[in-house]
Amino acid sequence: MDTLGATVWTTGLSGSGKTTIARELEKRLRERGVKVEILDGDVVRTNLSKGLGFSKEDRDTNIRRIGFVANLLARNGVIAITAAISPYREIRDEVRESSERFVEVFVDAPLEVCESRDVKGMYAKARAGEIKGFTGIDDPYEEPLHAEILCSTASETVAESAAKIMTYLEQRGHIPSAAAVQ
């Protein structure tokens, strides 16, 4: 199935649900025959951005790399879904400006909800001072000002969040409607 391709940029705190939503969205897109790739922040750091730390400069470099790859995929008809905290508004806006079809999805959940979902114990380590520069604890997270989609994961299901994104992509002509596929 041919698509225009787009970058679906999910951003939010660790534990907000970015990767979970990305996986559900990927499943739904594949069911429609759409080419899709997930660029997960943790996976990219391991493979494409190995050696980068967590300074603002290193985080910005990581986000630029993710944005570059996502834009290449989108230009070739792929829906590129990113799942990276991307805490700084300025660098997200820079990636938006360099992308043809960019859809920002703010995956919003209160800090206490994110902490309760933290299976790796990263928030506890950050609060104990074992991890420095942890987004949401001692490093800022700058919420998007103009996200196309807001997913409030403390009050909506993964299915509801994915459905919102699918509807938006359909309405903008990035993917075929469900009726067109059948």
N, C-alpha and C. Protein backbone atom coordinates (compact mmCIF):
# COMPACT_ATOMS: atom_id res chain seq x y z
N MET A 1 0.85 -1.17 0.00
CA MET A 1 0.00 0.00 0.00
C MET A 1 0.89 1.23 0.00
N ASP A 2 0.72 2.11 -0.98
CA ASP A 2 1.50 3.33 -1.03
C ASP A 2 0.97 4.35 -0.04
N THR A 3 1.88 5.02 0.63
CA THR A 3 1.51 6.10 1.54
C THR A 3 2.41 7.28 1.22
N LEU A 4 2.02 8.43 1.71
CA LEU A 4 2.86 9.62 1.57
C LEU A 4 4.08 9.52 2.47
N GLY A 5 3.98 8.79 3.53
CA GLY A 5 5.04 8.74 4.52
C GLY A 5 4.91 9.94 5.44
N ALA A 6 5.37 9.78 6.64
CA ALA A 6 5.33 10.86 7.63
C ALA A 6 6.19 10.47 8.81
N THR A 7 6.59 11.47 9.57
CA THR A 7 7.25 11.24 10.84
C THR A 7 6.23 11.47 11.93
N VAL A 8 5.96 10.43 12.72
CA VAL A 8 5.08 10.54 13.88
C VAL A 8 6.00 10.59 15.09
N TRP A 9 6.17 11.78 15.63
CA TRP A 9 7.15 12.02 16.69
C TRP A 9 6.46 11.99 18.05
N THR A 10 6.59 10.87 18.78
CA THR A 10 6.03 10.81 20.12
C THR A 10 7.05 11.33 21.11
N THR A 11 6.61 12.19 22.00
CA THR A 11 7.46 12.78 23.00
C THR A 11 6.73 12.78 24.34
N GLY A 12 7.47 12.58 25.40
CA GLY A 12 6.89 12.57 26.74
C GLY A 12 7.91 12.01 27.72
N LEU A 13 7.58 12.09 28.97
CA LEU A 13 8.48 11.60 30.02
C LEU A 13 8.69 10.09 29.89
N SER A 14 9.77 9.63 30.49
CA SER A 14 10.00 8.19 30.60
C SER A 14 8.83 7.58 31.35
N GLY A 15 8.25 6.53 30.77
CA GLY A 15 7.12 5.87 31.41
C GLY A 15 5.76 6.44 31.02
N SER A 16 5.75 7.42 30.13
CA SER A 16 4.46 8.03 29.74
C SER A 16 3.67 7.12 28.81
N GLY A 17 4.36 6.23 28.08
CA GLY A 17 3.66 5.31 27.19
C GLY A 17 4.04 5.43 25.73
N LYS A 18 5.11 6.13 25.43
CA LYS A 18 5.53 6.36 24.03
C LYS A 18 5.75 5.05 23.27
N THR A 19 6.55 4.17 23.81
CA THR A 19 6.88 2.92 23.13
C THR A 19 5.65 2.02 23.03
N THR A 20 4.85 1.97 24.06
CA THR A 20 3.64 1.15 24.04
C THR A 20 2.69 1.62 22.95
N ILE A 21 2.49 2.92 22.86
CA ILE A 21 1.62 3.48 21.82
C ILE A 21 2.25 3.23 20.45
N ALA A 22 3.55 3.43 20.33
CA ALA A 22 4.23 3.21 19.04
C ALA A 22 4.03 1.78 18.56
N ARG A 23 4.13 0.81 19.45
CA ARG A 23 3.95 -0.60 19.06
C ARG A 23 2.51 -0.89 18.61
N GLU A 24 1.55 -0.32 19.31
CA GLU A 24 0.15 -0.51 18.92
C GLU A 24 -0.13 0.16 17.58
N LEU A 25 0.41 1.35 17.40
CA LEU A 25 0.25 2.07 16.14
C LEU A 25 0.90 1.29 15.00
N GLU A 26 2.09 0.76 15.24
CA GLU A 26 2.77 -0.06 14.24
C GLU A 26 1.91 -1.24 13.83
N LYS A 27 1.34 -1.93 14.79
CA LYS A 27 0.48 -3.08 14.52
C LYS A 27 -0.70 -2.68 13.62
N ARG A 28 -1.35 -1.59 13.97
CA ARG A 28 -2.52 -1.14 13.21
C ARG A 28 -2.14 -0.72 11.78
N LEU A 29 -1.01 -0.06 11.65
CA LEU A 29 -0.55 0.36 10.32
C LEU A 29 -0.20 -0.85 9.46
N ARG A 30 0.49 -1.82 10.03
CA ARG A 30 0.85 -3.04 9.28
C ARG A 30 -0.41 -3.79 8.83
N GLU A 31 -1.41 -3.81 9.69
CA GLU A 31 -2.67 -4.47 9.33
C GLU A 31 -3.31 -3.83 8.09
N ARG A 32 -3.01 -2.56 7.86
CA ARG A 32 -3.52 -1.85 6.68
C ARG A 32 -2.56 -1.93 5.50
N GLY A 33 -1.45 -2.62 5.69
CA GLY A 33 -0.49 -2.75 4.60
C GLY A 33 0.42 -1.55 4.44
N VAL A 34 0.53 -0.73 5.47
CA VAL A 34 1.36 0.48 5.43
C VAL A 34 2.78 0.12 5.87
N LYS A 35 3.77 0.66 5.16
CA LYS A 35 5.17 0.49 5.57
C LYS A 35 5.41 1.36 6.79
N VAL A 36 6.00 0.76 7.83
CA VAL A 36 6.18 1.48 9.08
C VAL A 36 7.46 1.00 9.76
N GLU A 37 8.12 1.92 10.44
CA GLU A 37 9.29 1.60 11.27
C GLU A 37 9.20 2.39 12.56
N ILE A 38 9.61 1.75 13.66
CA ILE A 38 9.71 2.44 14.94
C ILE A 38 11.17 2.76 15.20
N LEU A 39 11.43 4.00 15.56
CA LEU A 39 12.76 4.42 15.99
C LEU A 39 12.66 4.70 17.49
N ASP A 40 12.93 3.67 18.29
CA ASP A 40 12.83 3.77 19.74
C ASP A 40 14.11 4.40 20.29
N GLY A 41 13.95 5.35 21.18
CA GLY A 41 15.09 6.07 21.73
C GLY A 41 16.16 5.17 22.32
N ASP A 42 15.76 4.16 23.09
CA ASP A 42 16.73 3.24 23.71
C ASP A 42 17.47 2.43 22.66
N VAL A 43 16.76 1.97 21.64
CA VAL A 43 17.38 1.16 20.58
C VAL A 43 18.34 2.01 19.75
N VAL A 44 17.92 3.23 19.43
CA VAL A 44 18.78 4.13 18.65
C VAL A 44 20.05 4.46 19.43
N ARG A 45 19.91 4.69 20.73
CA ARG A 45 21.09 5.01 21.55
C ARG A 45 22.09 3.85 21.53
N THR A 46 21.60 2.63 21.50
CA THR A 46 22.47 1.46 21.50
C THR A 46 23.17 1.28 20.16
N ASN A 47 22.51 1.62 19.06
CA ASN A 47 23.04 1.32 17.74
C ASN A 47 23.56 2.52 16.96
N LEU A 48 22.82 3.59 16.91
CA LEU A 48 23.17 4.75 16.08
C LEU A 48 23.89 5.83 16.87
N SER A 49 23.61 5.90 18.14
CA SER A 49 24.16 6.98 18.96
C SER A 49 25.02 6.46 20.10
N LYS A 50 25.61 5.29 19.91
CA LYS A 50 26.48 4.72 20.93
C LYS A 50 27.60 5.70 21.26
N GLY A 51 27.87 5.85 22.52
CA GLY A 51 28.93 6.75 22.94
C GLY A 51 28.44 8.12 23.36
N LEU A 52 27.20 8.45 23.01
CA LEU A 52 26.66 9.73 23.45
C LEU A 52 26.21 9.62 24.90
N GLY A 53 26.41 10.69 25.63
CA GLY A 53 25.95 10.72 27.02
C GLY A 53 24.59 11.39 27.11
N PHE A 54 24.35 12.03 28.24
CA PHE A 54 23.05 12.65 28.47
C PHE A 54 23.16 14.14 28.74
N SER A 55 24.26 14.76 28.28
CA SER A 55 24.35 16.22 28.34
C SER A 55 23.33 16.78 27.35
N LYS A 56 23.00 18.05 27.48
CA LYS A 56 22.07 18.66 26.53
C LYS A 56 22.58 18.51 25.10
N GLU A 57 23.87 18.73 24.89
CA GLU A 57 24.45 18.63 23.55
C GLU A 57 24.32 17.21 22.99
N ASP A 58 24.60 16.21 23.83
CA ASP A 58 24.49 14.82 23.38
C ASP A 58 23.04 14.44 23.12
N ARG A 59 22.14 14.90 23.96
CA ARG A 59 20.72 14.61 23.73
C ARG A 59 20.26 15.25 22.42
N ASP A 60 20.69 16.49 22.18
CA ASP A 60 20.32 17.17 20.92
C ASP A 60 20.87 16.42 19.71
N THR A 61 22.10 15.95 19.80
CA THR A 61 22.70 15.18 18.70
C THR A 61 21.90 13.90 18.46
N ASN A 62 21.52 13.23 19.52
CA ASN A 62 20.73 12.01 19.40
C ASN A 62 19.40 12.30 18.69
N ILE A 63 18.73 13.36 19.09
CA ILE A 63 17.43 13.71 18.49
C ILE A 63 17.61 14.10 17.03
N ARG A 64 18.66 14.83 16.71
CA ARG A 64 18.93 15.17 15.30
C ARG A 64 19.12 13.90 14.46
N ARG A 65 19.83 12.93 15.01
CA ARG A 65 20.06 11.66 14.29
C ARG A 65 18.75 10.92 14.07
N ILE A 66 17.94 10.84 15.12
CA ILE A 66 16.64 10.17 14.99
C ILE A 66 15.81 10.90 13.94
N GLY A 67 15.79 12.23 14.00
CA GLY A 67 15.03 13.02 13.04
C GLY A 67 15.50 12.83 11.62
N PHE A 68 16.81 12.75 11.42
CA PHE A 68 17.37 12.54 10.09
C PHE A 68 16.90 11.21 9.50
N VAL A 69 17.02 10.15 10.30
CA VAL A 69 16.61 8.82 9.83
C VAL A 69 15.10 8.79 9.60
N ALA A 70 14.33 9.37 10.50
CA ALA A 70 12.87 9.39 10.34
C ALA A 70 12.48 10.12 9.05
N ASN A 71 13.14 11.23 8.76
CA ASN A 71 12.84 11.99 7.55
C ASN A 71 13.19 11.19 6.30
N LEU A 72 14.32 10.48 6.31
CA LEU A 72 14.67 9.63 5.17
C LEU A 72 13.60 8.57 4.94
N LEU A 73 13.17 7.94 6.00
CA LEU A 73 12.12 6.92 5.88
C LEU A 73 10.83 7.53 5.34
N ALA A 74 10.42 8.66 5.91
CA ALA A 74 9.17 9.31 5.50
C ALA A 74 9.20 9.71 4.03
N ARG A 75 10.33 10.22 3.57
CA ARG A 75 10.46 10.62 2.16
C ARG A 75 10.32 9.43 1.23
N ASN A 76 10.51 8.23 1.77
CA ASN A 76 10.39 7.01 0.97
C ASN A 76 9.12 6.24 1.26
N GLY A 77 8.09 6.95 1.72
CA GLY A 77 6.77 6.36 1.87
C GLY A 77 6.55 5.54 3.13
N VAL A 78 7.42 5.69 4.10
CA VAL A 78 7.30 4.93 5.35
C VAL A 78 6.73 5.86 6.43
N ILE A 79 5.88 5.31 7.26
CA ILE A 79 5.48 6.03 8.46
C ILE A 79 6.55 5.71 9.51
N ALA A 80 7.35 6.71 9.86
CA ALA A 80 8.42 6.55 10.85
C ALA A 80 7.88 7.04 12.19
N ILE A 81 7.79 6.13 13.12
CA ILE A 81 7.30 6.47 14.46
C ILE A 81 8.50 6.55 15.39
N THR A 82 8.69 7.69 16.01
CA THR A 82 9.76 7.80 16.99
C THR A 82 9.17 7.64 18.39
N ALA A 83 9.95 7.09 19.26
CA ALA A 83 9.57 6.95 20.67
C ALA A 83 10.79 7.34 21.48
N ALA A 84 10.97 8.65 21.63
CA ALA A 84 12.12 9.18 22.35
C ALA A 84 11.65 10.31 23.24
N ILE A 85 12.18 10.40 24.44
CA ILE A 85 11.78 11.46 25.37
C ILE A 85 11.86 12.82 24.68
N SER A 86 12.96 13.09 24.00
CA SER A 86 13.22 14.38 23.33
C SER A 86 12.73 15.54 24.17
N PRO A 87 13.44 15.80 25.28
CA PRO A 87 12.93 16.72 26.29
C PRO A 87 12.95 18.21 25.92
N TYR A 88 13.73 18.58 24.90
CA TYR A 88 13.90 20.01 24.63
C TYR A 88 13.11 20.45 23.41
N ARG A 89 12.25 21.43 23.63
CA ARG A 89 11.35 21.94 22.60
C ARG A 89 12.11 22.45 21.38
N GLU A 90 13.19 23.17 21.58
CA GLU A 90 13.93 23.78 20.47
C GLU A 90 14.42 22.74 19.46
N ILE A 91 14.95 21.63 19.93
CA ILE A 91 15.47 20.61 19.02
C ILE A 91 14.33 19.87 18.34
N ARG A 92 13.21 19.66 19.06
CA ARG A 92 12.04 19.05 18.40
C ARG A 92 11.54 19.95 17.28
N ASP A 93 11.51 21.25 17.54
CA ASP A 93 11.07 22.20 16.51
C ASP A 93 12.04 22.23 15.33
N GLU A 94 13.32 22.07 15.61
CA GLU A 94 14.32 22.00 14.53
C GLU A 94 14.06 20.79 13.64
N VAL A 95 13.79 19.65 14.26
CA VAL A 95 13.50 18.43 13.49
C VAL A 95 12.22 18.64 12.69
N ARG A 96 11.22 19.27 13.29
CA ARG A 96 9.96 19.54 12.59
C ARG A 96 10.23 20.37 11.32
N GLU A 97 11.05 21.39 11.45
CA GLU A 97 11.35 22.27 10.32
C GLU A 97 12.08 21.55 9.19
N SER A 98 12.84 20.52 9.52
CA SER A 98 13.60 19.80 8.49
C SER A 98 12.81 18.62 7.90
N SER A 99 11.58 18.43 8.35
CA SER A 99 10.76 17.30 7.91
C SER A 99 9.61 17.80 7.04
N GLU A 100 9.29 17.02 6.01
CA GLU A 100 8.18 17.39 5.14
C GLU A 100 6.82 17.18 5.81
N ARG A 101 6.64 16.03 6.40
CA ARG A 101 5.37 15.68 7.03
C ARG A 101 5.67 15.21 8.46
N PHE A 102 5.46 16.11 9.40
CA PHE A 102 5.83 15.88 10.79
C PHE A 102 4.58 15.98 11.65
N VAL A 103 4.34 14.96 12.45
CA VAL A 103 3.19 14.92 13.34
C VAL A 103 3.72 14.73 14.76
N GLU A 104 3.58 15.76 15.58
CA GLU A 104 4.05 15.66 16.96
C GLU A 104 2.92 15.13 17.84
N VAL A 105 3.24 14.10 18.61
CA VAL A 105 2.29 13.48 19.52
C VAL A 105 2.84 13.64 20.94
N PHE A 106 2.15 14.42 21.74
CA PHE A 106 2.55 14.60 23.13
C PHE A 106 1.89 13.49 23.95
N VAL A 107 2.72 12.57 24.43
CA VAL A 107 2.25 11.46 25.27
C VAL A 107 2.38 11.96 26.71
N ASP A 108 1.26 12.41 27.22
CA ASP A 108 1.23 13.11 28.50
C ASP A 108 0.75 12.20 29.62
N ALA A 109 1.53 12.17 30.67
CA ALA A 109 1.14 11.48 31.90
C ALA A 109 1.82 12.22 33.05
N PRO A 110 1.12 12.39 34.16
CA PRO A 110 1.73 13.06 35.31
C PRO A 110 2.98 12.29 35.78
N LEU A 111 3.91 13.03 36.32
CA LEU A 111 5.16 12.44 36.80
C LEU A 111 4.91 11.26 37.73
N GLU A 112 3.96 11.39 38.65
CA GLU A 112 3.71 10.29 39.61
C GLU A 112 3.20 9.03 38.90
N VAL A 113 2.47 9.20 37.82
CA VAL A 113 2.02 8.04 37.04
C VAL A 113 3.21 7.39 36.34
N CYS A 114 4.07 8.21 35.75
CA CYS A 114 5.27 7.68 35.09
C CYS A 114 6.14 6.93 36.08
N GLU A 115 6.30 7.49 37.26
CA GLU A 115 7.11 6.82 38.29
C GLU A 115 6.49 5.48 38.69
N SER A 116 5.17 5.42 38.77
CA SER A 116 4.51 4.17 39.17
C SER A 116 4.65 3.09 38.09
N ARG A 117 4.91 3.47 36.86
CA ARG A 117 5.07 2.53 35.75
C ARG A 117 6.52 2.11 35.54
N ASP A 118 7.44 2.66 36.31
CA ASP A 118 8.87 2.49 36.09
C ASP A 118 9.38 1.14 36.57
N VAL A 119 9.41 0.17 35.65
CA VAL A 119 9.85 -1.18 36.01
C VAL A 119 11.37 -1.27 36.20
N LYS A 120 12.12 -0.35 35.59
CA LYS A 120 13.59 -0.38 35.70
C LYS A 120 14.09 0.33 36.96
N GLY A 121 13.22 1.04 37.65
CA GLY A 121 13.63 1.74 38.86
C GLY A 121 14.47 2.98 38.61
N MET A 122 14.39 3.53 37.42
CA MET A 122 15.22 4.70 37.07
C MET A 122 14.82 5.95 37.86
N TYR A 123 13.53 6.17 38.04
CA TYR A 123 13.08 7.34 38.80
C TYR A 123 13.57 7.25 40.24
N ALA A 124 13.48 6.08 40.84
CA ALA A 124 13.94 5.90 42.23
C ALA A 124 15.43 6.20 42.33
N LYS A 125 16.19 5.72 41.34
CA LYS A 125 17.63 6.00 41.34
C LYS A 125 17.90 7.49 41.17
N ALA A 126 17.13 8.15 40.32
CA ALA A 126 17.31 9.59 40.11
C ALA A 126 16.96 10.36 41.40
N ARG A 127 15.89 9.96 42.04
CA ARG A 127 15.48 10.64 43.29
C ARG A 127 16.51 10.40 44.40
N ALA A 128 17.18 9.25 44.35
CA ALA A 128 18.20 8.93 45.36
C ALA A 128 19.55 9.58 45.02
N GLY A 129 19.62 10.26 43.88
CA GLY A 129 20.86 10.92 43.48
C GLY A 129 21.84 10.01 42.78
N GLU A 130 21.43 8.78 42.46
CA GLU A 130 22.31 7.83 41.78
C GLU A 130 22.43 8.13 40.28
N ILE A 131 21.43 8.78 39.72
CA ILE A 131 21.44 9.19 38.31
C ILE A 131 21.28 10.70 38.27
N LYS A 132 22.19 11.36 37.62
CA LYS A 132 22.14 12.82 37.50
C LYS A 132 21.59 13.19 36.12
N GLY A 133 20.89 14.30 36.05
CA GLY A 133 20.37 14.79 34.77
C GLY A 133 19.22 13.96 34.24
N PHE A 134 18.39 13.41 35.13
CA PHE A 134 17.27 12.57 34.69
C PHE A 134 16.08 13.46 34.36
N THR A 135 15.56 13.30 33.16
CA THR A 135 14.46 14.14 32.69
C THR A 135 13.24 13.99 33.61
N GLY A 136 12.74 15.14 34.04
CA GLY A 136 11.57 15.18 34.91
C GLY A 136 11.92 15.25 36.38
N ILE A 137 13.16 14.91 36.73
CA ILE A 137 13.60 14.98 38.12
C ILE A 137 14.56 16.14 38.32
N ASP A 138 15.74 16.06 37.73
CA ASP A 138 16.68 17.18 37.85
C ASP A 138 17.14 17.72 36.50
N ASP A 139 16.41 17.36 35.45
CA ASP A 139 16.62 17.93 34.12
C ASP A 139 15.22 18.21 33.57
N PRO A 140 15.04 19.32 32.87
CA PRO A 140 13.68 19.69 32.47
C PRO A 140 13.12 18.85 31.33
N TYR A 141 11.80 18.78 31.29
CA TYR A 141 11.08 18.30 30.12
C TYR A 141 10.20 19.47 29.68
N GLU A 142 10.40 19.91 28.46
CA GLU A 142 9.65 21.04 27.92
C GLU A 142 8.50 20.50 27.07
N GLU A 143 7.29 20.64 27.59
CA GLU A 143 6.11 20.13 26.88
C GLU A 143 5.95 20.83 25.54
N PRO A 144 5.45 20.13 24.55
CA PRO A 144 5.18 20.77 23.25
C PRO A 144 4.13 21.87 23.40
N LEU A 145 4.30 22.92 22.63
CA LEU A 145 3.33 24.01 22.64
C LEU A 145 2.25 23.82 21.57
N HIS A 146 2.60 23.10 20.50
CA HIS A 146 1.68 22.97 19.36
C HIS A 146 1.62 21.54 18.83
N ALA A 147 1.58 20.57 19.71
CA ALA A 147 1.49 19.17 19.25
C ALA A 147 0.20 18.97 18.48
N GLU A 148 0.28 18.22 17.41
CA GLU A 148 -0.92 17.91 16.64
C GLU A 148 -1.87 17.00 17.40
N ILE A 149 -1.30 16.12 18.23
CA ILE A 149 -2.11 15.14 18.95
C ILE A 149 -1.66 15.09 20.41
N LEU A 150 -2.64 15.03 21.31
CA LEU A 150 -2.38 14.86 22.73
C LEU A 150 -2.95 13.51 23.16
N CYS A 151 -2.09 12.66 23.69
CA CYS A 151 -2.51 11.38 24.24
C CYS A 151 -2.32 11.45 25.76
N SER A 152 -3.41 11.49 26.49
CA SER A 152 -3.36 11.57 27.96
C SER A 152 -3.44 10.15 28.51
N THR A 153 -2.28 9.54 28.69
CA THR A 153 -2.25 8.11 28.98
C THR A 153 -2.66 7.73 30.40
N ALA A 154 -2.85 8.71 31.27
CA ALA A 154 -3.37 8.40 32.60
C ALA A 154 -4.88 8.19 32.55
N SER A 155 -5.52 8.70 31.48
CA SER A 155 -6.98 8.63 31.42
C SER A 155 -7.51 7.95 30.16
N GLU A 156 -6.64 7.59 29.22
CA GLU A 156 -7.11 6.90 28.02
C GLU A 156 -6.29 5.63 27.80
N THR A 157 -6.89 4.68 27.13
CA THR A 157 -6.22 3.40 26.88
C THR A 157 -5.22 3.54 25.73
N VAL A 158 -4.36 2.57 25.62
CA VAL A 158 -3.42 2.51 24.50
C VAL A 158 -4.19 2.49 23.19
N ALA A 159 -5.26 1.70 23.15
CA ALA A 159 -6.09 1.61 21.94
C ALA A 159 -6.68 2.97 21.58
N GLU A 160 -7.15 3.71 22.56
CA GLU A 160 -7.71 5.04 22.29
C GLU A 160 -6.64 5.99 21.76
N SER A 161 -5.46 5.94 22.35
CA SER A 161 -4.36 6.80 21.88
C SER A 161 -3.98 6.45 20.45
N ALA A 162 -3.83 5.17 20.15
CA ALA A 162 -3.47 4.75 18.80
C ALA A 162 -4.56 5.12 17.80
N ALA A 163 -5.81 5.00 18.20
CA ALA A 163 -6.93 5.35 17.32
C ALA A 163 -6.90 6.84 16.97
N LYS A 164 -6.58 7.68 17.94
CA LYS A 164 -6.46 9.14 17.69
C LYS A 164 -5.43 9.41 16.60
N ILE A 165 -4.30 8.74 16.71
CA ILE A 165 -3.21 8.96 15.75
C ILE A 165 -3.61 8.44 14.38
N MET A 166 -4.21 7.27 14.33
CA MET A 166 -4.67 6.71 13.05
C MET A 166 -5.66 7.64 12.38
N THR A 167 -6.61 8.16 13.14
CA THR A 167 -7.60 9.08 12.58
C THR A 167 -6.93 10.32 12.01
N TYR A 168 -5.98 10.88 12.74
CA TYR A 168 -5.26 12.06 12.27
C TYR A 168 -4.52 11.76 10.96
N LEU A 169 -3.82 10.63 10.92
CA LEU A 169 -3.06 10.26 9.73
C LEU A 169 -3.98 10.06 8.53
N GLU A 170 -5.15 9.45 8.76
CA GLU A 170 -6.13 9.28 7.69
C GLU A 170 -6.63 10.63 7.18
N GLN A 171 -7.02 11.48 8.11
CA GLN A 171 -7.60 12.79 7.75
C GLN A 171 -6.62 13.64 6.95
N ARG A 172 -5.33 13.48 7.20
CA ARG A 172 -4.31 14.27 6.50
C ARG A 172 -3.83 13.58 5.23
N GLY A 173 -4.37 12.40 4.95
CA GLY A 173 -4.00 11.69 3.73
C GLY A 173 -2.65 10.99 3.79
N HIS A 174 -2.12 10.80 4.98
CA HIS A 174 -0.83 10.10 5.13
C HIS A 174 -0.98 8.60 4.97
N ILE A 175 -2.17 8.09 5.31
CA ILE A 175 -2.45 6.66 5.16
C ILE A 175 -3.83 6.51 4.54
N PRO A 176 -4.08 5.38 3.90
CA PRO A 176 -5.41 5.16 3.34
C PRO A 176 -6.43 4.93 4.46
N SER A 177 -7.67 5.28 4.20
CA SER A 177 -8.72 5.03 5.18
C SER A 177 -8.94 3.52 5.29
N ALA A 178 -9.55 3.12 6.38
CA ALA A 178 -9.84 1.70 6.59
C ALA A 178 -10.74 1.18 5.46
N ALA A 179 -11.68 1.99 5.02
CA ALA A 179 -12.60 1.58 3.97
C ALA A 179 -11.88 1.37 2.64
N ALA A 180 -10.85 2.18 2.37
CA ALA A 180 -10.12 2.08 1.10
C ALA A 180 -9.30 0.80 1.03
N VAL A 181 -8.93 0.25 2.16
CA VAL A 181 -8.08 -0.93 2.21
C VAL A 181 -8.91 -2.20 1.98
N GLN A 182 -10.18 -2.16 2.34
CA GLN A 182 -11.01 -3.38 2.27
C GLN A 182 -11.52 -3.67 0.91
